[in-house]
Amino acid sequence: MKKIPTRKCVVTKEVFPKEELFRVVRTPSGEVILDMTGKANGRGAYVSKNEETIELARKKKVLDKSLEVEVPNEIYDRMILFLKMK
């Protein structure tokens, strides 16, 4: 039986399997990207795949604090768009 990797959402502080979270990464060059592979190099923060959680992260600037850089609104918009496409 294989162990399922879990991560904590930086907004809700709940623990989820990695597949149920978005990973937002601050690359070594300072760029902020939405990492769909989970393997991008840099400082990562996880956000639950839930529209209310994403909006709360945007409102409270939780990702800005976690990644120590300003996260553009485009990142939040892409997460919500990805949820709606699913």
N, C-alpha and C. Protein backbone atom coordinates (compact mmCIF):
# COMPACT_ATOMS: atom_id res chain seq x y z
N MET A 1 0.85 -1.18 0.00
CA MET A 1 0.00 0.00 0.00
C MET A 1 0.89 1.24 0.00
N LYS A 2 0.66 2.10 -1.01
CA LYS A 2 1.48 3.29 -1.18
C LYS A 2 0.95 4.45 -0.33
N LYS A 3 1.86 5.19 0.29
CA LYS A 3 1.48 6.34 1.11
C LYS A 3 1.11 7.51 0.21
N ILE A 4 -0.01 8.17 0.52
CA ILE A 4 -0.45 9.33 -0.25
C ILE A 4 0.15 10.58 0.38
N PRO A 5 0.93 11.36 -0.42
CA PRO A 5 1.54 12.56 0.14
C PRO A 5 0.48 13.63 0.45
N THR A 6 0.62 14.26 1.61
CA THR A 6 -0.32 15.31 2.01
C THR A 6 0.42 16.62 2.22
N ARG A 7 -0.32 17.71 2.05
CA ARG A 7 0.22 19.05 2.27
C ARG A 7 -0.83 19.89 2.98
N LYS A 8 -0.40 20.98 3.60
CA LYS A 8 -1.31 21.86 4.34
C LYS A 8 -1.63 23.09 3.50
N CYS A 9 -2.92 23.42 3.41
CA CYS A 9 -3.38 24.63 2.75
C CYS A 9 -2.95 25.83 3.60
N VAL A 10 -2.31 26.84 2.97
CA VAL A 10 -1.84 28.00 3.73
C VAL A 10 -2.98 28.91 4.18
N VAL A 11 -4.16 28.73 3.59
CA VAL A 11 -5.30 29.57 3.94
C VAL A 11 -6.09 28.96 5.09
N THR A 12 -6.53 27.70 4.92
CA THR A 12 -7.41 27.06 5.90
C THR A 12 -6.65 26.27 6.96
N LYS A 13 -5.39 26.01 6.71
CA LYS A 13 -4.53 25.19 7.60
C LYS A 13 -4.98 23.73 7.68
N GLU A 14 -5.83 23.30 6.73
CA GLU A 14 -6.26 21.91 6.68
C GLU A 14 -5.27 21.10 5.86
N VAL A 15 -5.15 19.82 6.17
CA VAL A 15 -4.25 18.93 5.45
C VAL A 15 -5.05 18.15 4.41
N PHE A 16 -4.55 18.17 3.16
CA PHE A 16 -5.19 17.49 2.04
C PHE A 16 -4.17 16.66 1.28
N PRO A 17 -4.64 15.65 0.51
CA PRO A 17 -3.73 14.99 -0.44
C PRO A 17 -3.25 16.04 -1.46
N LYS A 18 -2.03 15.88 -1.96
CA LYS A 18 -1.46 16.86 -2.87
C LYS A 18 -2.33 17.15 -4.09
N GLU A 19 -3.06 16.13 -4.59
CA GLU A 19 -3.86 16.31 -5.80
C GLU A 19 -5.02 17.29 -5.58
N GLU A 20 -5.40 17.52 -4.34
CA GLU A 20 -6.54 18.40 -4.04
C GLU A 20 -6.10 19.84 -3.76
N LEU A 21 -4.85 20.16 -4.07
CA LEU A 21 -4.31 21.49 -3.81
C LEU A 21 -3.63 22.07 -5.04
N PHE A 22 -3.65 23.40 -5.15
CA PHE A 22 -2.85 24.10 -6.15
C PHE A 22 -1.52 24.43 -5.50
N ARG A 23 -0.43 24.36 -6.27
CA ARG A 23 0.88 24.77 -5.76
C ARG A 23 1.28 26.05 -6.47
N VAL A 24 1.53 27.09 -5.69
CA VAL A 24 2.00 28.37 -6.23
C VAL A 24 3.45 28.49 -5.81
N VAL A 25 4.32 28.83 -6.79
CA VAL A 25 5.76 28.81 -6.54
C VAL A 25 6.39 30.17 -6.82
N ARG A 26 7.29 30.57 -5.92
CA ARG A 26 8.17 31.72 -6.19
C ARG A 26 9.49 31.12 -6.65
N THR A 27 9.81 31.33 -7.92
CA THR A 27 11.02 30.76 -8.50
C THR A 27 12.25 31.48 -7.93
N PRO A 28 13.43 30.88 -8.10
CA PRO A 28 14.64 31.55 -7.61
C PRO A 28 14.85 32.94 -8.21
N SER A 29 14.29 33.20 -9.41
CA SER A 29 14.43 34.52 -10.02
C SER A 29 13.39 35.52 -9.50
N GLY A 30 12.46 35.06 -8.63
CA GLY A 30 11.48 35.95 -8.03
C GLY A 30 10.13 35.96 -8.74
N GLU A 31 10.01 35.20 -9.82
CA GLU A 31 8.75 35.12 -10.56
C GLU A 31 7.76 34.21 -9.82
N VAL A 32 6.48 34.53 -9.88
CA VAL A 32 5.45 33.71 -9.23
C VAL A 32 4.69 32.95 -10.32
N ILE A 33 4.63 31.61 -10.18
CA ILE A 33 3.95 30.78 -11.17
C ILE A 33 2.99 29.81 -10.50
N LEU A 34 2.01 29.35 -11.26
CA LEU A 34 1.11 28.30 -10.81
C LEU A 34 1.70 26.99 -11.30
N ASP A 35 2.14 26.14 -10.38
CA ASP A 35 2.85 24.91 -10.71
C ASP A 35 1.86 23.74 -10.77
N MET A 36 1.49 23.33 -11.98
CA MET A 36 0.54 22.23 -12.13
C MET A 36 1.23 20.86 -12.04
N THR A 37 2.55 20.83 -12.23
CA THR A 37 3.28 19.55 -12.17
C THR A 37 3.68 19.19 -10.75
N GLY A 38 3.82 20.20 -9.88
CA GLY A 38 4.25 19.95 -8.51
C GLY A 38 5.75 19.75 -8.40
N LYS A 39 6.48 20.03 -9.47
CA LYS A 39 7.92 19.79 -9.47
C LYS A 39 8.76 21.04 -9.77
N ALA A 40 8.11 22.18 -9.91
CA ALA A 40 8.86 23.41 -10.23
C ALA A 40 9.80 23.77 -9.09
N ASN A 41 10.93 24.35 -9.46
CA ASN A 41 11.96 24.72 -8.51
C ASN A 41 11.59 26.03 -7.83
N GLY A 42 11.73 26.09 -6.52
CA GLY A 42 11.48 27.32 -5.80
C GLY A 42 10.65 27.10 -4.55
N ARG A 43 10.29 28.19 -3.91
CA ARG A 43 9.49 28.17 -2.67
C ARG A 43 8.02 27.98 -3.03
N GLY A 44 7.40 26.96 -2.49
CA GLY A 44 6.02 26.65 -2.84
C GLY A 44 5.06 26.85 -1.68
N ALA A 45 3.81 27.17 -2.03
CA ALA A 45 2.72 27.27 -1.05
C ALA A 45 1.51 26.60 -1.67
N TYR A 46 0.72 25.94 -0.84
CA TYR A 46 -0.42 25.18 -1.34
C TYR A 46 -1.74 25.84 -0.95
N VAL A 47 -2.69 25.83 -1.92
CA VAL A 47 -4.01 26.41 -1.70
C VAL A 47 -5.04 25.36 -2.12
N SER A 48 -6.04 25.17 -1.28
CA SER A 48 -7.12 24.22 -1.54
C SER A 48 -7.84 24.54 -2.85
N LYS A 49 -8.23 23.51 -3.59
CA LYS A 49 -8.97 23.69 -4.85
C LYS A 49 -10.44 23.96 -4.53
N ASN A 50 -10.67 25.16 -4.01
CA ASN A 50 -12.01 25.58 -3.59
C ASN A 50 -12.09 27.08 -3.88
N GLU A 51 -13.13 27.50 -4.60
CA GLU A 51 -13.24 28.89 -5.02
C GLU A 51 -13.26 29.86 -3.85
N GLU A 52 -13.98 29.50 -2.77
CA GLU A 52 -14.05 30.38 -1.60
C GLU A 52 -12.67 30.54 -0.97
N THR A 53 -11.91 29.46 -0.91
CA THR A 53 -10.57 29.50 -0.33
C THR A 53 -9.64 30.37 -1.17
N ILE A 54 -9.75 30.25 -2.49
CA ILE A 54 -8.91 31.06 -3.38
C ILE A 54 -9.22 32.55 -3.21
N GLU A 55 -10.51 32.88 -3.14
CA GLU A 55 -10.90 34.29 -2.95
C GLU A 55 -10.45 34.81 -1.59
N LEU A 56 -10.50 33.96 -0.57
CA LEU A 56 -10.03 34.35 0.76
C LEU A 56 -8.52 34.60 0.74
N ALA A 57 -7.79 33.77 0.01
CA ALA A 57 -6.34 33.95 -0.12
C ALA A 57 -6.03 35.28 -0.81
N ARG A 58 -6.83 35.60 -1.84
CA ARG A 58 -6.63 36.87 -2.56
C ARG A 58 -6.92 38.06 -1.63
N LYS A 59 -8.04 37.98 -0.90
CA LYS A 59 -8.47 39.07 -0.02
C LYS A 59 -7.49 39.32 1.12
N LYS A 60 -7.05 38.23 1.76
CA LYS A 60 -6.16 38.36 2.93
C LYS A 60 -4.68 38.38 2.57
N LYS A 61 -4.37 38.21 1.27
CA LYS A 61 -2.98 38.19 0.79
C LYS A 61 -2.13 37.14 1.51
N VAL A 62 -2.70 35.97 1.72
CA VAL A 62 -2.02 34.88 2.42
C VAL A 62 -0.80 34.40 1.63
N LEU A 63 -0.96 34.28 0.30
CA LEU A 63 0.16 33.82 -0.52
C LEU A 63 1.29 34.84 -0.54
N ASP A 64 0.95 36.13 -0.52
CA ASP A 64 1.98 37.17 -0.49
C ASP A 64 2.87 36.98 0.74
N LYS A 65 2.24 36.71 1.88
CA LYS A 65 2.98 36.53 3.14
C LYS A 65 3.80 35.24 3.11
N SER A 66 3.19 34.19 2.60
CA SER A 66 3.85 32.89 2.60
C SER A 66 5.06 32.85 1.66
N LEU A 67 4.91 33.47 0.48
CA LEU A 67 5.99 33.44 -0.52
C LEU A 67 6.91 34.66 -0.42
N GLU A 68 6.56 35.60 0.45
CA GLU A 68 7.35 36.82 0.68
C GLU A 68 7.55 37.64 -0.59
N VAL A 69 6.50 37.66 -1.43
CA VAL A 69 6.52 38.45 -2.66
C VAL A 69 5.07 38.72 -3.05
N GLU A 70 4.83 39.81 -3.80
CA GLU A 70 3.45 40.12 -4.21
C GLU A 70 3.00 39.15 -5.31
N VAL A 71 1.89 38.47 -5.06
CA VAL A 71 1.34 37.50 -6.02
C VAL A 71 0.35 38.23 -6.92
N PRO A 72 0.57 38.19 -8.26
CA PRO A 72 -0.35 38.90 -9.16
C PRO A 72 -1.75 38.27 -9.17
N ASN A 73 -2.76 39.10 -9.43
CA ASN A 73 -4.14 38.63 -9.49
C ASN A 73 -4.34 37.57 -10.54
N GLU A 74 -3.52 37.57 -11.57
CA GLU A 74 -3.60 36.60 -12.66
C GLU A 74 -3.49 35.16 -12.13
N ILE A 75 -2.67 34.95 -11.10
CA ILE A 75 -2.50 33.62 -10.51
C ILE A 75 -3.81 33.13 -9.92
N TYR A 76 -4.49 34.00 -9.17
CA TYR A 76 -5.79 33.63 -8.58
C TYR A 76 -6.82 33.37 -9.67
N ASP A 77 -6.81 34.23 -10.71
CA ASP A 77 -7.76 34.07 -11.82
C ASP A 77 -7.55 32.74 -12.54
N ARG A 78 -6.29 32.35 -12.72
CA ARG A 78 -5.99 31.08 -13.39
C ARG A 78 -6.45 29.89 -12.55
N MET A 79 -6.31 29.97 -11.22
CA MET A 79 -6.78 28.89 -10.35
C MET A 79 -8.29 28.73 -10.47
N ILE A 80 -9.02 29.85 -10.44
CA ILE A 80 -10.48 29.81 -10.54
C ILE A 80 -10.90 29.31 -11.92
N LEU A 81 -10.21 29.75 -12.97
CA LEU A 81 -10.51 29.29 -14.32
C LEU A 81 -10.31 27.78 -14.45
N PHE A 82 -9.23 27.28 -13.85
CA PHE A 82 -8.95 25.85 -13.87
C PHE A 82 -10.07 25.05 -13.18
N LEU A 83 -10.58 25.59 -12.06
CA LEU A 83 -11.67 24.94 -11.36
C LEU A 83 -12.94 24.87 -12.20
N LYS A 84 -13.22 25.95 -12.93
CA LYS A 84 -14.44 26.02 -13.75
C LYS A 84 -14.34 25.12 -14.98
N MET A 85 -13.12 24.89 -15.47
CA MET A 85 -12.92 24.02 -16.63
C MET A 85 -13.12 22.55 -16.27
N LYS A 86 -12.88 22.22 -15.03
CA LYS A 86 -12.94 20.83 -14.58
C LYS A 86 -14.32 20.25 -14.63
